Amino acid sequence: MSNFMKKYFMPQKMMRTVIIALIPLILASIYFFGWRSFVLLLWVSLFGVGTEYLFEKRYGRKVSEAIFVTCILYVLTLPARTPLWVAAVGIVFGVLFGKAVFGGFGKNVFNPALVARAFVYVSFPEPLTIQWSKVATGFPGGFATYITEGIDTISQATPMLMFRDTGQMESLWKLIIGNVPGSLGETSAILIILAAIYLIYKKVAAWQTMAGVLIGFTGLSSILYLAGNIQIPNPLFGILSGGFLFGMVFMATDPISSPKTKEGKWIYGILIGVVTVIIRGYALFAGGMMFAILIGNTFAPIIDEGVRYVKKSKKESKDKGGVVA
């Protein structure tokens, strides 16, 4: 197996670290929603790796191990009942138009996992916004079933959808543990936080980006919530629901599609946090984090250019001042 990986895949230690951080979320998805989540992961990985292989083969290059991270992240943003063909179409689209068209690994402007998710969300809204599953409880939970029971009433839908449609908020404890309906890997706040700590410790994910997202989101949502905007929930509920933490930790920190400068990471993170609040409160989409990060991806190169320009201007002004003195 090791020789096989060396022959066909480009070794990337950083990507393996991210996969390790994702393993608890994969196991949690099986526990909460059943083995179909794992089947979905294998299915998507088959199409994702196959698509990148066909593209890279043309140029005599190996497949990047990053494709496995892309497939896992994409699957963990899907509901358990997502049709297999929809999931396959999404990952093929994400790899081709979120990565391959830009030249392959390291050249993509957008996070390919989010490109895939956004495509299926817009193209096939019903399985992505209506067909949810109840969460398993107790022992052995979802490990004893293929897929948990479906949900047919809005009062049992995801926390963000339930808040938007009824104004009710799920208990914070359930949001922390993950015992709520939702996408496969986005429900357990505690597991995502532990993953964030691990990634920061390993210096794989930029803490500045995460901090920026939290500041932007908490700041604006607090202002609007205290001002009496009924469509804006209290900031803590917003942080613990709607895939916010998952997007902040695993998507926003993507080293390829996010800024490279330290200052740029702060600006980029704050932008994502602010845009998430606006989309959640005033647009059609209950989540908002997905589109906010894609918008952030769009501005990432511009943010870096602006930061470098300001730094260069300050340095030149300082040098001129030194010469005059």
Protein backbone atom coordinates (compact mmCIF):
# COMPACT_ATOMS: atom_id res chain seq x y z
CA MET A 1 0.00 0.00 0.00
CA SER A 2 2.88 2.33 0.82
CA ASN A 3 4.49 1.75 -2.61
CA PHE A 4 1.12 2.32 -4.26
CA MET A 5 0.72 5.69 -2.50
CA LYS A 6 4.26 6.75 -3.45
CA LYS A 7 3.68 5.80 -7.07
CA TYR A 8 0.41 7.64 -7.60
CA PHE A 9 0.18 10.29 -4.87
CA MET A 10 2.20 13.38 -3.99
CA PRO A 11 3.20 13.08 -0.28
CA GLN A 12 1.88 15.99 1.79
CA LYS A 13 2.50 15.77 5.53
CA MET A 14 0.28 18.78 6.24
CA MET A 15 -2.70 17.11 4.58
CA ARG A 16 -2.21 13.97 6.66
CA THR A 17 -2.33 16.11 9.79
CA VAL A 18 -5.66 17.56 8.69
CA ILE A 19 -7.01 14.07 8.01
CA ILE A 20 -6.02 13.00 11.54
CA ALA A 21 -7.95 16.00 12.91
CA LEU A 22 -10.99 14.96 10.84
CA ILE A 23 -11.09 11.33 11.97
CA PRO A 24 -13.09 12.04 15.19
CA LEU A 25 -15.66 13.94 13.11
CA ILE A 26 -15.93 11.04 10.68
CA LEU A 27 -16.55 8.64 13.57
CA ALA A 28 -19.05 11.06 15.09
CA SER A 29 -20.94 11.24 11.79
CA ILE A 30 -21.32 7.45 11.85
CA TYR A 31 -22.45 7.51 15.49
CA PHE A 32 -25.01 10.28 14.93
CA PHE A 33 -26.38 9.30 11.50
CA GLY A 34 -25.35 5.72 10.68
CA TRP A 35 -22.97 3.95 8.33
CA ARG A 36 -24.34 5.71 5.27
CA SER A 37 -22.05 8.62 6.10
CA PHE A 38 -19.05 6.33 5.67
CA VAL A 39 -20.46 4.89 2.44
CA LEU A 40 -20.93 8.45 1.20
CA LEU A 41 -17.31 9.22 2.08
CA LEU A 42 -15.97 6.21 0.17
CA TRP A 43 -18.21 6.99 -2.81
CA VAL A 44 -17.17 10.64 -3.00
CA SER A 45 -13.48 9.77 -2.55
CA LEU A 46 -13.70 7.38 -5.50
CA PHE A 47 -15.02 10.09 -7.79
CA GLY A 48 -12.85 12.85 -6.35
CA VAL A 49 -9.57 10.94 -6.66
CA GLY A 50 -10.58 9.61 -10.08
CA THR A 51 -11.32 13.10 -11.40
CA GLU A 52 -8.02 14.54 -10.20
CA TYR A 53 -6.11 11.50 -11.48
CA LEU A 54 -7.49 11.95 -14.99
CA PHE A 55 -6.58 15.63 -14.94
CA GLU A 56 -3.06 15.23 -13.53
CA LYS A 57 -2.29 12.25 -15.79
CA ARG A 58 -2.38 14.56 -18.80
CA TYR A 59 0.58 16.46 -17.39
CA GLY A 60 2.44 13.47 -16.01
CA ARG A 61 1.85 14.58 -12.42
CA LYS A 62 0.83 12.66 -9.33
CA VAL A 63 -2.45 13.12 -7.48
CA SER A 64 -2.14 15.37 -4.43
CA GLU A 65 -3.03 13.91 -1.04
CA ALA A 66 -5.01 17.10 -0.57
CA ILE A 67 -7.78 15.50 -2.64
CA PHE A 68 -8.61 13.25 0.31
CA VAL A 69 -9.03 16.31 2.55
CA THR A 70 -11.25 17.91 -0.09
CA CYS A 71 -13.45 14.80 -0.29
CA ILE A 72 -13.75 14.46 3.49
CA LEU A 73 -14.58 18.12 4.03
CA TYR A 74 -17.16 18.07 1.26
CA VAL A 75 -18.86 14.94 2.59
CA LEU A 76 -18.97 16.29 6.13
CA THR A 77 -20.94 19.31 4.88
CA LEU A 78 -23.64 17.08 3.37
CA PRO A 79 -26.77 15.65 5.03
CA ALA A 80 -26.74 11.88 5.54
CA ARG A 81 -29.57 11.37 3.05
CA THR A 82 -27.84 13.10 0.13
CA PRO A 83 -28.36 10.93 -2.99
CA LEU A 84 -25.15 9.24 -4.09
CA TRP A 85 -25.39 10.61 -7.61
CA VAL A 86 -25.79 14.17 -6.33
CA ALA A 87 -22.75 13.78 -4.09
CA ALA A 88 -20.71 12.39 -7.01
CA VAL A 89 -21.72 15.21 -9.37
CA GLY A 90 -20.77 17.74 -6.70
CA ILE A 91 -17.23 16.47 -6.07
CA VAL A 92 -16.50 16.14 -9.80
CA PHE A 93 -17.65 19.73 -10.31
CA GLY A 94 -15.63 20.94 -7.30
CA VAL A 95 -12.39 19.26 -8.39
CA LEU A 96 -12.73 20.38 -12.00
CA PHE A 97 -13.95 23.95 -11.58
CA GLY A 98 -12.58 24.68 -8.12
CA LYS A 99 -9.10 23.28 -8.69
CA ALA A 100 -8.22 21.79 -12.09
CA VAL A 101 -9.17 24.83 -14.21
CA PHE A 102 -6.73 26.92 -12.17
CA GLY A 103 -3.87 24.52 -12.85
CA GLY A 104 -4.20 21.96 -10.08
CA PHE A 105 -2.98 21.82 -6.49
CA GLY A 106 -1.61 25.06 -5.07
CA LYS A 107 -3.08 27.28 -7.79
CA ASN A 108 -6.79 27.27 -6.94
CA VAL A 109 -8.44 30.53 -5.91
CA PHE A 110 -11.44 28.91 -4.24
CA ASN A 111 -11.70 26.07 -1.75
CA PRO A 112 -12.72 23.12 -3.98
CA ALA A 113 -14.74 21.44 -1.22
CA LEU A 114 -16.86 24.58 -0.88
CA VAL A 115 -17.18 24.94 -4.64
CA ALA A 116 -18.61 21.40 -4.68
CA ARG A 117 -20.94 22.11 -1.76
CA ALA A 118 -22.17 25.42 -3.20
CA PHE A 119 -22.85 23.79 -6.58
CA VAL A 120 -25.03 20.99 -5.21
CA TYR A 121 -26.69 23.39 -2.73
CA VAL A 122 -27.83 25.66 -5.56
CA SER A 123 -28.48 22.94 -8.15
CA PHE A 124 -30.16 20.35 -5.93
CA PRO A 125 -31.68 22.32 -3.03
CA GLU A 126 -34.21 19.73 -1.86
CA PRO A 127 -31.80 17.00 -0.64
CA LEU A 128 -29.52 19.68 0.80
CA THR A 129 -32.14 21.70 2.68
CA ILE A 130 -35.11 19.42 3.38
CA GLN A 131 -34.05 15.78 3.67
CA TRP A 132 -32.53 15.64 7.16
CA SER A 133 -32.05 12.72 9.55
CA LYS A 134 -32.64 12.36 13.26
CA VAL A 135 -29.57 11.86 15.42
CA ALA A 136 -28.91 8.56 17.15
CA THR A 137 -28.42 8.46 20.92
CA GLY A 138 -27.14 5.99 23.47
CA PHE A 139 -24.96 3.00 22.69
CA PRO A 140 -24.08 1.92 20.02
CA GLY A 141 -25.87 4.82 18.33
CA GLY A 142 -25.60 4.95 14.56
CA PHE A 143 -23.00 2.19 14.54
CA ALA A 144 -25.93 -0.25 14.66
CA THR A 145 -27.79 1.11 11.64
CA TYR A 146 -27.23 2.06 8.03
CA ILE A 147 -29.01 5.42 8.35
CA THR A 148 -31.13 6.98 11.07
CA GLU A 149 -34.79 7.88 10.71
CA GLY A 150 -35.75 10.76 8.46
CA ILE A 151 -37.22 14.08 9.61
CA ASP A 152 -40.52 15.28 8.16
CA THR A 153 -41.38 18.31 10.29
CA ILE A 154 -39.70 21.72 10.47
CA SER A 155 -39.76 21.66 14.26
CA GLN A 156 -37.18 18.85 14.13
CA ALA A 157 -34.98 20.40 11.42
CA THR A 158 -31.48 21.78 11.88
CA PRO A 159 -30.96 24.45 14.60
CA MET A 160 -30.53 27.31 12.11
CA LEU A 161 -33.56 26.31 10.02
CA MET A 162 -35.63 25.87 13.17
CA PHE A 163 -34.63 29.33 14.42
CA ARG A 164 -35.36 31.00 11.10
CA ASP A 165 -38.78 29.37 10.70
CA THR A 166 -40.03 29.27 14.30
CA GLY A 167 -37.74 31.55 16.32
CA GLN A 168 -36.90 28.66 18.65
CA MET A 169 -33.32 27.91 19.64
CA GLU A 170 -31.91 24.48 20.36
CA SER A 171 -30.24 23.99 23.75
CA LEU A 172 -26.59 25.02 23.82
CA TRP A 173 -25.60 21.73 25.46
CA LYS A 174 -26.94 19.74 22.50
CA LEU A 175 -25.08 22.03 20.12
CA ILE A 176 -21.85 21.52 22.05
CA ILE A 177 -22.16 17.73 22.03
CA GLY A 178 -23.57 17.51 18.52
CA ASN A 179 -26.84 15.80 19.34
CA VAL A 180 -28.79 17.81 16.75
CA PRO A 181 -29.85 17.22 13.14
CA GLY A 182 -27.59 18.71 10.50
CA SER A 183 -24.80 17.98 8.08
CA LEU A 184 -22.60 14.98 8.85
CA GLY A 185 -19.59 16.67 10.43
CA GLU A 186 -20.82 20.10 11.46
CA THR A 187 -22.94 19.34 14.54
CA SER A 188 -20.44 18.62 17.35
CA ALA A 189 -18.88 21.88 18.56
CA ILE A 190 -16.62 20.16 21.09
CA LEU A 191 -15.00 17.88 18.51
CA ILE A 192 -14.43 20.77 16.11
CA ILE A 193 -12.87 22.88 18.87
CA LEU A 194 -10.54 20.03 19.82
CA ALA A 195 -9.59 19.69 16.16
CA ALA A 196 -8.83 23.42 16.03
CA ILE A 197 -6.52 23.14 19.03
CA TYR A 198 -4.71 20.21 17.40
CA LEU A 199 -4.29 21.99 14.05
CA ILE A 200 -3.02 25.17 15.71
CA TYR A 201 -0.60 23.13 17.84
CA LYS A 202 0.70 21.43 14.69
CA LYS A 203 0.94 24.85 12.98
CA VAL A 204 -1.24 23.63 10.12
CA ALA A 205 -4.11 26.11 10.52
CA ALA A 206 -3.70 29.85 11.05
CA TRP A 207 -5.08 30.93 14.42
CA GLN A 208 -5.19 34.52 13.14
CA THR A 209 -7.83 33.55 10.57
CA MET A 210 -9.94 31.73 13.16
CA ALA A 211 -9.66 34.65 15.59
CA GLY A 212 -10.61 37.10 12.84
CA VAL A 213 -13.71 35.09 11.93
CA LEU A 214 -14.79 34.99 15.60
CA ILE A 215 -14.20 38.72 16.06
CA GLY A 216 -16.09 39.68 12.89
CA PHE A 217 -19.01 37.38 13.62
CA THR A 218 -19.32 38.08 17.34
CA GLY A 219 -18.90 41.83 16.91
CA LEU A 220 -21.57 42.39 14.27
CA SER A 221 -24.03 39.79 15.58
CA SER A 222 -23.76 41.27 19.09
CA ILE A 223 -24.51 44.77 17.80
CA LEU A 224 -27.50 43.63 15.74
CA TYR A 225 -28.81 41.29 18.46
CA LEU A 226 -28.64 43.98 21.15
CA ALA A 227 -30.28 46.42 18.74
CA GLY A 228 -33.32 44.15 18.66
CA ASN A 229 -33.03 42.50 15.24
CA ILE A 230 -35.24 39.44 15.69
CA GLN A 231 -33.65 37.61 12.75
CA ILE A 232 -30.27 37.61 14.50
CA PRO A 233 -29.90 35.03 17.32
CA ASN A 234 -27.60 35.57 20.29
CA PRO A 235 -23.94 35.28 19.19
CA LEU A 236 -23.20 32.10 21.15
CA PHE A 237 -26.05 30.22 19.48
CA GLY A 238 -24.84 31.48 16.12
CA ILE A 239 -21.29 30.31 16.76
CA LEU A 240 -22.39 26.82 17.82
CA SER A 241 -24.79 26.22 14.91
CA GLY A 242 -25.04 26.35 11.14
CA GLY A 243 -21.64 24.86 10.43
CA PHE A 244 -19.94 28.05 11.65
CA LEU A 245 -17.18 26.37 13.66
CA PHE A 246 -16.57 23.72 11.00
CA GLY A 247 -16.17 26.37 8.31
CA MET A 248 -13.99 28.54 10.53
CA VAL A 249 -11.59 25.73 11.47
CA PHE A 250 -11.36 23.65 8.29
CA MET A 251 -12.49 25.82 5.36
CA ALA A 252 -11.49 29.40 6.11
CA THR A 253 -7.96 28.33 7.09
CA ASP A 254 -7.24 26.55 3.79
CA PRO A 255 -3.64 27.70 3.11
CA ILE A 256 -4.13 27.85 -0.66
CA SER A 257 -7.31 29.92 -0.94
CA SER A 258 -6.69 32.23 2.05
CA PRO A 259 -4.25 35.17 2.43
CA LYS A 260 -0.57 34.51 3.04
CA THR A 261 0.26 37.66 5.03
CA LYS A 262 -0.34 37.73 8.78
CA GLU A 263 -2.31 40.97 8.62
CA GLY A 264 -4.24 39.67 5.64
CA LYS A 265 -5.40 36.65 7.62
CA TRP A 266 -6.94 38.92 10.26
CA ILE A 267 -8.74 41.04 7.65
CA TYR A 268 -9.87 37.96 5.73
CA GLY A 269 -11.22 36.31 8.88
CA ILE A 270 -13.11 39.40 10.00
CA LEU A 271 -14.60 39.76 6.51
CA ILE A 272 -15.89 36.17 6.60
CA GLY A 273 -17.38 36.63 10.07
CA VAL A 274 -19.18 39.84 9.11
CA VAL A 275 -20.52 38.48 5.82
CA THR A 276 -21.80 35.33 7.58
CA VAL A 277 -23.94 37.44 9.91
CA ILE A 278 -25.34 39.46 7.00
CA ILE A 279 -26.21 36.40 4.92
CA ARG A 280 -27.76 34.54 7.85
CA GLY A 281 -29.88 37.47 8.92
CA TYR A 282 -30.91 39.11 5.66
CA ALA A 283 -30.47 36.65 2.78
CA LEU A 284 -32.34 33.50 1.78
CA PHE A 285 -29.73 31.12 3.16
CA ALA A 286 -29.97 29.96 6.76
CA GLY A 287 -26.30 29.00 7.09
CA GLY A 288 -24.28 31.64 5.32
CA MET A 289 -20.80 30.41 6.27
CA MET A 290 -20.26 28.60 2.98
CA PHE A 291 -20.92 31.63 0.80
CA ALA A 292 -19.07 33.95 3.18
CA ILE A 293 -15.87 31.89 2.82
CA LEU A 294 -16.19 31.79 -0.97
CA ILE A 295 -16.57 35.58 -0.95
CA GLY A 296 -13.50 35.74 1.29
CA ASN A 297 -11.62 33.54 -1.20
CA THR A 298 -12.42 36.07 -3.91
CA PHE A 299 -10.87 38.91 -1.94
CA ALA A 300 -7.90 36.98 -0.49
CA PRO A 301 -5.40 37.92 -3.25
CA ILE A 302 -6.53 41.55 -3.16
CA ILE A 303 -6.16 41.65 0.62
CA ASP A 304 -2.59 40.36 0.39
CA GLU A 305 -1.74 42.89 -2.32
CA GLY A 306 -3.17 45.69 -0.19
CA VAL A 307 -1.22 44.60 2.88
CA ARG A 308 2.05 44.38 0.91
CA TYR A 309 1.42 47.78 -0.68
CA VAL A 310 0.85 49.45 2.69
CA LYS A 311 3.95 47.78 4.14
CA LYS A 312 6.04 48.85 1.16
CA SER A 313 4.75 52.43 1.35
CA LYS A 314 5.54 52.63 5.08
CA LYS A 315 9.02 51.22 4.52
CA GLU A 316 9.72 53.69 1.72
CA SER A 317 8.47 56.59 3.84
CA LYS A 318 10.65 55.46 6.74
CA ASP A 319 13.71 55.13 4.49
CA LYS A 320 13.17 58.60 3.05
CA GLY A 321 12.79 60.01 6.52
CA GLY A 322 16.05 58.37 7.55
CA VAL A 323 17.92 59.83 4.58
CA VAL A 324 16.61 63.33 5.27
CA ALA A 325 17.61 63.07 8.90
